[in-house]
All heavy atoms as atom14 arrays in JSON, in Angstrom:
{
  "sequence": "NYVFLQGNDLENRFKDITNQRFTIIETGFGTGLNFLC",
  "atom14_mask": [
    [1, 1, 1, 1, 1, 1, 1, 1, 0, 0, 0, 0, 0, 0],
    [1, 1, 1, 1, 1, 1, 1, 1, 1, 1, 1, 1, 0, 0],
    [1, 1, 1, 1, 1, 1, 1, 0, 0, 0, 0, 0, 0, 0],
    [1, 1, 1, 1, 1, 1, 1, 1, 1, 1, 1, 0, 0, 0],
    [1, 1, 1, 1, 1, 1, 1, 1, 0, 0, 0, 0, 0, 0],
    [1, 1, 1, 1, 1, 1, 1, 1, 1, 0, 0, 0, 0, 0],
    [1, 1, 1, 1, 0, 0, 0, 0, 0, 0, 0, 0, 0, 0],
    [1, 1, 1, 1, 1, 1, 1, 1, 0, 0, 0, 0, 0, 0],
    [1, 1, 1, 1, 1, 1, 1, 1, 0, 0, 0, 0, 0, 0],
    [1, 1, 1, 1, 1, 1, 1, 1, 0, 0, 0, 0, 0, 0],
    [1, 1, 1, 1, 1, 1, 1, 1, 1, 0, 0, 0, 0, 0],
    [1, 1, 1, 1, 1, 1, 1, 1, 0, 0, 0, 0, 0, 0],
    [1, 1, 1, 1, 1, 1, 1, 1, 1, 1, 1, 0, 0, 0],
    [1, 1, 1, 1, 1, 1, 1, 1, 1, 1, 1, 0, 0, 0],
    [1, 1, 1, 1, 1, 1, 1, 1, 1, 0, 0, 0, 0, 0],
    [1, 1, 1, 1, 1, 1, 1, 1, 0, 0, 0, 0, 0, 0],
    [1, 1, 1, 1, 1, 1, 1, 1, 0, 0, 0, 0, 0, 0],
    [1, 1, 1, 1, 1, 1, 1, 0, 0, 0, 0, 0, 0, 0],
    [1, 1, 1, 1, 1, 1, 1, 1, 0, 0, 0, 0, 0, 0],
    [1, 1, 1, 1, 1, 1, 1, 1, 1, 0, 0, 0, 0, 0],
    [1, 1, 1, 1, 1, 1, 1, 1, 1, 1, 1, 0, 0, 0],
    [1, 1, 1, 1, 1, 1, 1, 1, 1, 1, 1, 0, 0, 0],
    [1, 1, 1, 1, 1, 1, 1, 0, 0, 0, 0, 0, 0, 0],
    [1, 1, 1, 1, 1, 1, 1, 1, 0, 0, 0, 0, 0, 0],
    [1, 1, 1, 1, 1, 1, 1, 1, 0, 0, 0, 0, 0, 0],
    [1, 1, 1, 1, 1, 1, 1, 1, 1, 0, 0, 0, 0, 0],
    [1, 1, 1, 1, 1, 1, 1, 0, 0, 0, 0, 0, 0, 0],
    [1, 1, 1, 1, 0, 0, 0, 0, 0, 0, 0, 0, 0, 0],
    [1, 1, 1, 1, 1, 1, 1, 1, 1, 1, 1, 0, 0, 0],
    [1, 1, 1, 1, 0, 0, 0, 0, 0, 0, 0, 0, 0, 0],
    [1, 1, 1, 1, 1, 1, 1, 0, 0, 0, 0, 0, 0, 0],
    [1, 1, 1, 1, 0, 0, 0, 0, 0, 0, 0, 0, 0, 0],
    [1, 1, 1, 1, 1, 1, 1, 1, 0, 0, 0, 0, 0, 0],
    [1, 1, 1, 1, 1, 1, 1, 1, 0, 0, 0, 0, 0, 0],
    [1, 1, 1, 1, 1, 1, 1, 1, 1, 1, 1, 0, 0, 0],
    [1, 1, 1, 1, 1, 1, 1, 1, 0, 0, 0, 0, 0, 0],
    [1, 1, 1, 1, 1, 1, 0, 0, 0, 0, 0, 0, 0, 0]
  ],
  "atom14_positions": [
    [[0.82, -1.21, 0.0], [0.0, 0.0, 0.0], [0.85, 1.26, 0.0], [0.56, 2.23, -0.71], [-0.95, -0.01, 1.2], [-2.19, -0.84, 0.95], [-3.09, -0.46, 0.21], [-2.25, -2.0, 1.58], [0.0, 0.0, 0.0], [0.0, 0.0, 0.0], [0.0, 0.0, 0.0], [0.0, 0.0, 0.0], [0.0, 0.0, 0.0], [0.0, 0.0, 0.0]],
    [[1.92, 1.26, 0.78], [2.79, 2.43, 0.86], [3.57, 2.65, -0.43], [3.59, 3.75, -0.99], [3.75, 2.28, 2.04], [4.71, 3.45, 2.19], [4.31, 4.63, 2.82], [6.0, 3.37, 1.68], [5.17, 5.7, 2.94], [6.87, 4.45, 1.8], [6.46, 5.6, 2.43], [7.33, 6.67, 2.54], [0.0, 0.0, 0.0], [0.0, 0.0, 0.0]],
    [[4.24, 1.6, -0.89], [5.14, 1.74, -2.03], [4.38, 1.94, -3.33], [4.63, 2.9, -4.07], [6.08, 0.52, -2.14], [6.91, 0.6, -3.44], [7.01, 0.44, -0.94], [0.0, 0.0, 0.0], [0.0, 0.0, 0.0], [0.0, 0.0, 0.0], [0.0, 0.0, 0.0], [0.0, 0.0, 0.0], [0.0, 0.0, 0.0], [0.0, 0.0, 0.0]],
    [[3.46, 1.06, -3.63], [2.85, 1.06, -4.96], [1.54, 1.84, -5.06], [1.34, 2.6, -6.02], [2.67, -0.38, -5.44], [3.98, -1.09, -5.62], [4.37, -2.09, -4.75], [4.84, -0.74, -6.65], [5.59, -2.74, -4.9], [6.07, -1.37, -6.82], [6.45, -2.37, -5.93], [0.0, 0.0, 0.0], [0.0, 0.0, 0.0], [0.0, 0.0, 0.0]],
    [[0.65, 1.67, -4.08], [-0.62, 2.39, -4.17], [-0.43, 3.87, -3.84], [-0.79, 4.73, -4.63], [-1.67, 1.75, -3.27], [-2.48, 0.61, -3.9], [-1.58, -0.57, -4.25], [-3.59, 0.14, -2.97], [0.0, 0.0, 0.0], [0.0, 0.0, 0.0], [0.0, 0.0, 0.0], [0.0, 0.0, 0.0], [0.0, 0.0, 0.0], [0.0, 0.0, 0.0]],
    [[0.18, 4.15, -2.69], [0.42, 5.56, -2.35], [1.47, 6.17, -3.26], [1.37, 7.34, -3.62], [0.85, 5.67, -0.89], [-0.22, 5.29, 0.12], [0.27, 5.4, 1.55], [1.09, 6.26, 1.88], [-0.2, 4.51, 2.4], [0.0, 0.0, 0.0], [0.0, 0.0, 0.0], [0.0, 0.0, 0.0], [0.0, 0.0, 0.0], [0.0, 0.0, 0.0]],
    [[2.48, 5.4, -3.63], [3.53, 5.91, -4.5], [3.02, 6.38, -5.85], [3.6, 7.27, -6.48], [0.0, 0.0, 0.0], [0.0, 0.0, 0.0], [0.0, 0.0, 0.0], [0.0, 0.0, 0.0], [0.0, 0.0, 0.0], [0.0, 0.0, 0.0], [0.0, 0.0, 0.0], [0.0, 0.0, 0.0], [0.0, 0.0, 0.0], [0.0, 0.0, 0.0]],
    [[1.9, 5.79, -6.3], [1.26, 6.2, -7.55], [-0.02, 7.01, -7.32], [-0.75, 7.29, -8.28], [0.93, 4.97, -8.41], [2.12, 4.39, -9.12], [2.65, 4.98, -10.05], [2.58, 3.22, -8.67], [0.0, 0.0, 0.0], [0.0, 0.0, 0.0], [0.0, 0.0, 0.0], [0.0, 0.0, 0.0], [0.0, 0.0, 0.0], [0.0, 0.0, 0.0]],
    [[-0.31, 7.33, -6.05], [-1.5, 8.12, -5.68], [-2.77, 7.48, -6.25], [-3.66, 8.16, -6.77], [-1.36, 9.56, -6.18], [-2.4, 10.49, -5.57], [-2.88, 10.21, -4.45], [-2.75, 11.5, -6.22], [0.0, 0.0, 0.0], [0.0, 0.0, 0.0], [0.0, 0.0, 0.0], [0.0, 0.0, 0.0], [0.0, 0.0, 0.0], [0.0, 0.0, 0.0]],
    [[-2.88, 6.17, -6.13], [-3.96, 5.46, -6.83], [-5.34, 5.7, -6.25], [-6.32, 5.77, -7.0], [-3.65, 3.96, -6.87], [-2.48, 3.55, -7.77], [-2.41, 2.04, -7.89], [-2.58, 4.18, -9.16], [0.0, 0.0, 0.0], [0.0, 0.0, 0.0], [0.0, 0.0, 0.0], [0.0, 0.0, 0.0], [0.0, 0.0, 0.0], [0.0, 0.0, 0.0]],
    [[-5.46, 5.81, -4.94], [-6.8, 6.01, -4.38], [-7.44, 7.27, -4.93], [-8.61, 7.26, -5.36], [-6.74, 6.07, -2.86], [-8.12, 6.17, -2.22], [-8.1, 6.07, -0.71], [-7.05, 5.68, -0.15], [-9.13, 6.39, -0.08], [0.0, 0.0, 0.0], [0.0, 0.0, 0.0], [0.0, 0.0, 0.0], [0.0, 0.0, 0.0], [0.0, 0.0, 0.0]],
    [[-6.71, 8.36, -4.96], [-7.25, 9.62, -5.49], [-7.48, 9.52, -6.99], [-8.51, 10.01, -7.5], [-6.3, 10.77, -5.18], [-6.27, 11.13, -3.72], [-7.3, 11.06, -3.03], [-5.11, 11.52, -3.21], [0.0, 0.0, 0.0], [0.0, 0.0, 0.0], [0.0, 0.0, 0.0], [0.0, 0.0, 0.0], [0.0, 0.0, 0.0], [0.0, 0.0, 0.0]],
    [[-6.58, 8.89, -7.7], [-6.74, 8.78, -9.15], [-7.9, 7.87, -9.52], [-8.62, 8.13, -10.49], [-5.43, 8.27, -9.77], [-4.29, 9.27, -9.63], [-2.98, 8.68, -10.06], [-2.87, 8.55, -11.51], [-1.89, 7.91, -12.13], [-0.94, 7.3, -11.41], [-1.85, 7.85, -13.45], [0.0, 0.0, 0.0], [0.0, 0.0, 0.0], [0.0, 0.0, 0.0]],
    [[-8.11, 6.81, -8.75], [-9.25, 5.93, -9.0], [-10.56, 6.67, -8.77], [-11.52, 6.53, -9.53], [-9.19, 4.7, -8.1], [-8.13, 3.7, -8.46], [-7.87, 2.61, -7.63], [-7.39, 3.81, -9.63], [-6.91, 1.68, -7.95], [-6.41, 2.88, -9.97], [-6.18, 1.8, -9.11], [0.0, 0.0, 0.0], [0.0, 0.0, 0.0], [0.0, 0.0, 0.0]],
    [[-10.63, 7.45, -7.7], [-11.86, 8.19, -7.4], [-12.2, 9.19, -8.49], [-13.37, 9.41, -8.81], [-11.69, 8.94, -6.07], [-11.74, 8.08, -4.83], [-11.53, 8.93, -3.58], [-11.56, 8.1, -2.32], [-11.27, 8.92, -1.11], [0.0, 0.0, 0.0], [0.0, 0.0, 0.0], [0.0, 0.0, 0.0], [0.0, 0.0, 0.0], [0.0, 0.0, 0.0]],
    [[-11.16, 9.82, -9.04], [-11.36, 10.91, -9.99], [-11.25, 10.48, -11.44], [-11.15, 11.32, -12.34], [-10.33, 12.02, -9.72], [-10.48, 12.64, -8.34], [-11.6, 12.59, -7.8], [-9.48, 13.14, -7.81], [0.0, 0.0, 0.0], [0.0, 0.0, 0.0], [0.0, 0.0, 0.0], [0.0, 0.0, 0.0], [0.0, 0.0, 0.0], [0.0, 0.0, 0.0]],
    [[-11.25, 9.19, -11.71], [-11.05, 8.7, -13.07], [-12.14, 9.22, -14.01], [-13.32, 9.24, -13.67], [-10.99, 7.16, -13.08], [-10.54, 6.65, -14.46], [-12.31, 6.55, -12.66], [-10.26, 5.16, -14.48], [0.0, 0.0, 0.0], [0.0, 0.0, 0.0], [0.0, 0.0, 0.0], [0.0, 0.0, 0.0], [0.0, 0.0, 0.0], [0.0, 0.0, 0.0]],
    [[-11.7, 9.65, -15.17], [-12.64, 10.13, -16.19], [-12.7, 9.18, -17.39], [-13.69, 9.18, -18.13], [-12.24, 11.53, -16.68], [-10.88, 11.49, -17.16], [-12.35, 12.54, -15.55], [0.0, 0.0, 0.0], [0.0, 0.0, 0.0], [0.0, 0.0, 0.0], [0.0, 0.0, 0.0], [0.0, 0.0, 0.0], [0.0, 0.0, 0.0], [0.0, 0.0, 0.0]],
    [[-11.66, 8.37, -17.58], [-11.66, 7.41, -18.68], [-12.39, 6.13, -18.29], [-12.67, 5.89, -17.12], [-10.22, 7.08, -19.09], [-9.48, 8.28, -19.62], [-10.08, 9.17, -20.21], [-8.18, 8.34, -19.39], [0.0, 0.0, 0.0], [0.0, 0.0, 0.0], [0.0, 0.0, 0.0], [0.0, 0.0, 0.0], [0.0, 0.0, 0.0], [0.0, 0.0, 0.0]],
    [[-12.67, 5.32, -19.28], [-13.36, 4.06, -19.03], [-12.42, 2.99, -18.48], [-12.86, 2.01, -17.9], [-13.99, 3.55, -20.34], [-15.12, 4.41, -20.86], [-16.33, 4.37, -19.96], [-16.73, 3.33, -19.46], [-16.94, 5.53, -19.73], [0.0, 0.0, 0.0], [0.0, 0.0, 0.0], [0.0, 0.0, 0.0], [0.0, 0.0, 0.0], [0.0, 0.0, 0.0]],
    [[-11.11, 3.2, -18.64], [-10.16, 2.16, -18.28], [-8.91, 2.77, -17.67], [-8.44, 3.83, -18.12], [-9.77, 1.37, -19.53], [-9.17, 0.01, -19.26], [-8.82, -0.68, -20.59], [-9.08, -2.1, -20.53], [-8.48, -3.0, -21.32], [-7.6, -2.6, -22.22], [-8.76, -4.27, -21.21], [0.0, 0.0, 0.0], [0.0, 0.0, 0.0], [0.0, 0.0, 0.0]],
    [[-8.37, 2.11, -16.64], [-7.11, 2.5, -16.02], [-6.18, 1.3, -16.09], [-6.55, 0.2, -15.67], [-7.34, 2.93, -14.57], [-6.14, 3.57, -13.92], [-6.04, 4.95, -13.84], [-5.11, 2.79, -13.39], [-4.93, 5.55, -13.25], [-4.01, 3.38, -12.81], [-3.92, 4.76, -12.72], [0.0, 0.0, 0.0], [0.0, 0.0, 0.0], [0.0, 0.0, 0.0]],
    [[-4.97, 1.52, -16.62], [-4.05, 0.41, -16.82], [-2.83, 0.52, -15.92], [-2.14, 1.54, -15.92], [-3.58, 0.35, -18.29], [-4.72, 0.12, -19.13], [-2.58, -0.77, -18.5], [0.0, 0.0, 0.0], [0.0, 0.0, 0.0], [0.0, 0.0, 0.0], [0.0, 0.0, 0.0], [0.0, 0.0, 0.0], [0.0, 0.0, 0.0], [0.0, 0.0, 0.0]],
    [[-2.59, -0.55, -15.17], [-1.37, -0.7, -14.39], [-0.53, -1.78, -15.06], [-1.05, -2.86, -15.39], [-1.67, -1.13, -12.94], [-2.44, -0.02, -12.2], [-0.38, -1.46, -12.19], [-2.97, -0.46, -10.84], [0.0, 0.0, 0.0], [0.0, 0.0, 0.0], [0.0, 0.0, 0.0], [0.0, 0.0, 0.0], [0.0, 0.0, 0.0], [0.0, 0.0, 0.0]],
    [[0.75, -1.51, -15.27], [1.68, -2.53, -15.75], [2.7, -2.79, -14.65], [3.28, -1.85, -14.1], [2.37, -2.14, -17.07], [1.34, -1.84, -18.16], [3.3, -3.27, -17.52], [1.94, -1.5, -19.51], [0.0, 0.0, 0.0], [0.0, 0.0, 0.0], [0.0, 0.0, 0.0], [0.0, 0.0, 0.0], [0.0, 0.0, 0.0], [0.0, 0.0, 0.0]],
    [[2.91, -4.05, -14.36], [3.77, -4.46, -13.26], [4.88, -5.37, -13.76], [4.64, -6.26, -14.59], [2.94, -5.19, -12.21], [3.75, -5.83, -11.09], [2.89, -6.68, -10.18], [2.13, -7.53, -10.71], [2.96, -6.5, -8.96], [0.0, 0.0, 0.0], [0.0, 0.0, 0.0], [0.0, 0.0, 0.0], [0.0, 0.0, 0.0], [0.0, 0.0, 0.0]],
    [[6.07, -5.19, -13.24], [7.16, -6.13, -13.5], [7.32, -7.01, -12.27], [7.7, -6.55, -11.21], [8.48, -5.38, -13.77], [8.81, -4.56, -12.65], [8.36, -4.49, -15.01], [0.0, 0.0, 0.0], [0.0, 0.0, 0.0], [0.0, 0.0, 0.0], [0.0, 0.0, 0.0], [0.0, 0.0, 0.0], [0.0, 0.0, 0.0], [0.0, 0.0, 0.0]],
    [[6.99, -8.28, -12.42], [7.11, -9.22, -11.3], [5.82, -9.45, -10.56], [5.54, -8.79, -9.57], [0.0, 0.0, 0.0], [0.0, 0.0, 0.0], [0.0, 0.0, 0.0], [0.0, 0.0, 0.0], [0.0, 0.0, 0.0], [0.0, 0.0, 0.0], [0.0, 0.0, 0.0], [0.0, 0.0, 0.0], [0.0, 0.0, 0.0], [0.0, 0.0, 0.0]],
    [[5.01, -10.4, -11.04], [3.72, -10.69, -10.4], [3.91, -11.36, -9.04], [3.16, -11.08, -8.09], [2.87, -11.58, -11.3], [1.46, -11.77, -10.82], [0.54, -10.74, -10.92], [1.05, -12.98, -10.27], [-0.77, -10.91, -10.48], [-0.25, -13.16, -9.83], [-1.16, -12.12, -9.93], [0.0, 0.0, 0.0], [0.0, 0.0, 0.0], [0.0, 0.0, 0.0]],
    [[4.88, -12.27, -8.95], [5.17, -12.92, -7.67], [3.97, -13.62, -7.07], [3.31, -14.45, -7.71], [0.0, 0.0, 0.0], [0.0, 0.0, 0.0], [0.0, 0.0, 0.0], [0.0, 0.0, 0.0], [0.0, 0.0, 0.0], [0.0, 0.0, 0.0], [0.0, 0.0, 0.0], [0.0, 0.0, 0.0], [0.0, 0.0, 0.0], [0.0, 0.0, 0.0]],
    [[3.65, -13.28, -5.84], [2.52, -13.88, -5.14], [1.19, -13.22, -5.49], [0.14, -13.67, -5.02], [2.72, -13.76, -3.62], [2.77, -12.38, -3.26], [3.99, -14.47, -3.17], [0.0, 0.0, 0.0], [0.0, 0.0, 0.0], [0.0, 0.0, 0.0], [0.0, 0.0, 0.0], [0.0, 0.0, 0.0], [0.0, 0.0, 0.0], [0.0, 0.0, 0.0]],
    [[1.23, -12.15, -6.28], [0.01, -11.45, -6.64], [-0.45, -10.45, -5.6], [-1.55, -9.89, -5.72], [0.0, 0.0, 0.0], [0.0, 0.0, 0.0], [0.0, 0.0, 0.0], [0.0, 0.0, 0.0], [0.0, 0.0, 0.0], [0.0, 0.0, 0.0], [0.0, 0.0, 0.0], [0.0, 0.0, 0.0], [0.0, 0.0, 0.0], [0.0, 0.0, 0.0]],
    [[0.37, -10.18, -4.58], [-0.04, -9.27, -3.51], [-0.36, -7.87, -4.05], [-1.38, -7.27, -3.66], [1.05, -9.18, -2.44], [0.82, -8.15, -1.33], [-0.48, -8.42, -0.58], [2.01, -8.14, -0.37], [0.0, 0.0, 0.0], [0.0, 0.0, 0.0], [0.0, 0.0, 0.0], [0.0, 0.0, 0.0], [0.0, 0.0, 0.0], [0.0, 0.0, 0.0]],
    [[0.48, -7.35, -4.93], [0.22, -6.01, -5.46], [-1.1, -5.97, -6.22], [-1.85, -4.99, -6.14], [1.36, -5.57, -6.39], [2.69, -5.45, -5.67], [2.75, -5.34, -4.46], [3.77, -5.46, -6.44], [0.0, 0.0, 0.0], [0.0, 0.0, 0.0], [0.0, 0.0, 0.0], [0.0, 0.0, 0.0], [0.0, 0.0, 0.0], [0.0, 0.0, 0.0]],
    [[-1.37, -7.03, -6.97], [-2.64, -7.1, -7.7], [-3.82, -7.11, -6.75], [-4.8, -6.39, -6.96], [-2.67, -8.34, -8.59], [-4.04, -8.65, -9.12], [-4.63, -7.85, -10.08], [-4.76, -9.73, -8.63], [-5.91, -8.12, -10.56], [-6.03, -10.02, -9.1], [-6.61, -9.2, -10.07], [0.0, 0.0, 0.0], [0.0, 0.0, 0.0], [0.0, 0.0, 0.0]],
    [[-3.76, -7.92, -5.72], [-4.87, -8.01, -4.76], [-5.14, -6.65, -4.11], [-6.3, -6.24, -3.97], [-4.57, -9.04, -3.69], [-4.39, -10.5, -4.13], [-4.07, -11.37, -2.92], [-5.62, -11.02, -4.86], [0.0, 0.0, 0.0], [0.0, 0.0, 0.0], [0.0, 0.0, 0.0], [0.0, 0.0, 0.0], [0.0, 0.0, 0.0], [0.0, 0.0, 0.0]],
    [[-4.08, -5.95, -3.74], [-4.25, -4.64, -3.08], [-4.82, -3.61, -4.05], [-5.7, -2.83, -3.69], [-2.92, -4.16, -2.52], [-2.34, -5.09, -1.08], [0.0, 0.0, 0.0], [0.0, 0.0, 0.0], [0.0, 0.0, 0.0], [0.0, 0.0, 0.0], [0.0, 0.0, 0.0], [0.0, 0.0, 0.0], [0.0, 0.0, 0.0], [0.0, 0.0, 0.0]]
  ]
}
């Protein structure tokens, strides 16, 4: 949450989204924790 969600200001950007789609690209899926969050 600190590194990736807050680091990209995602909560505010998700709330204010104007487009139909928001794309995140990740290097290293691993356990999928970043995706779940």
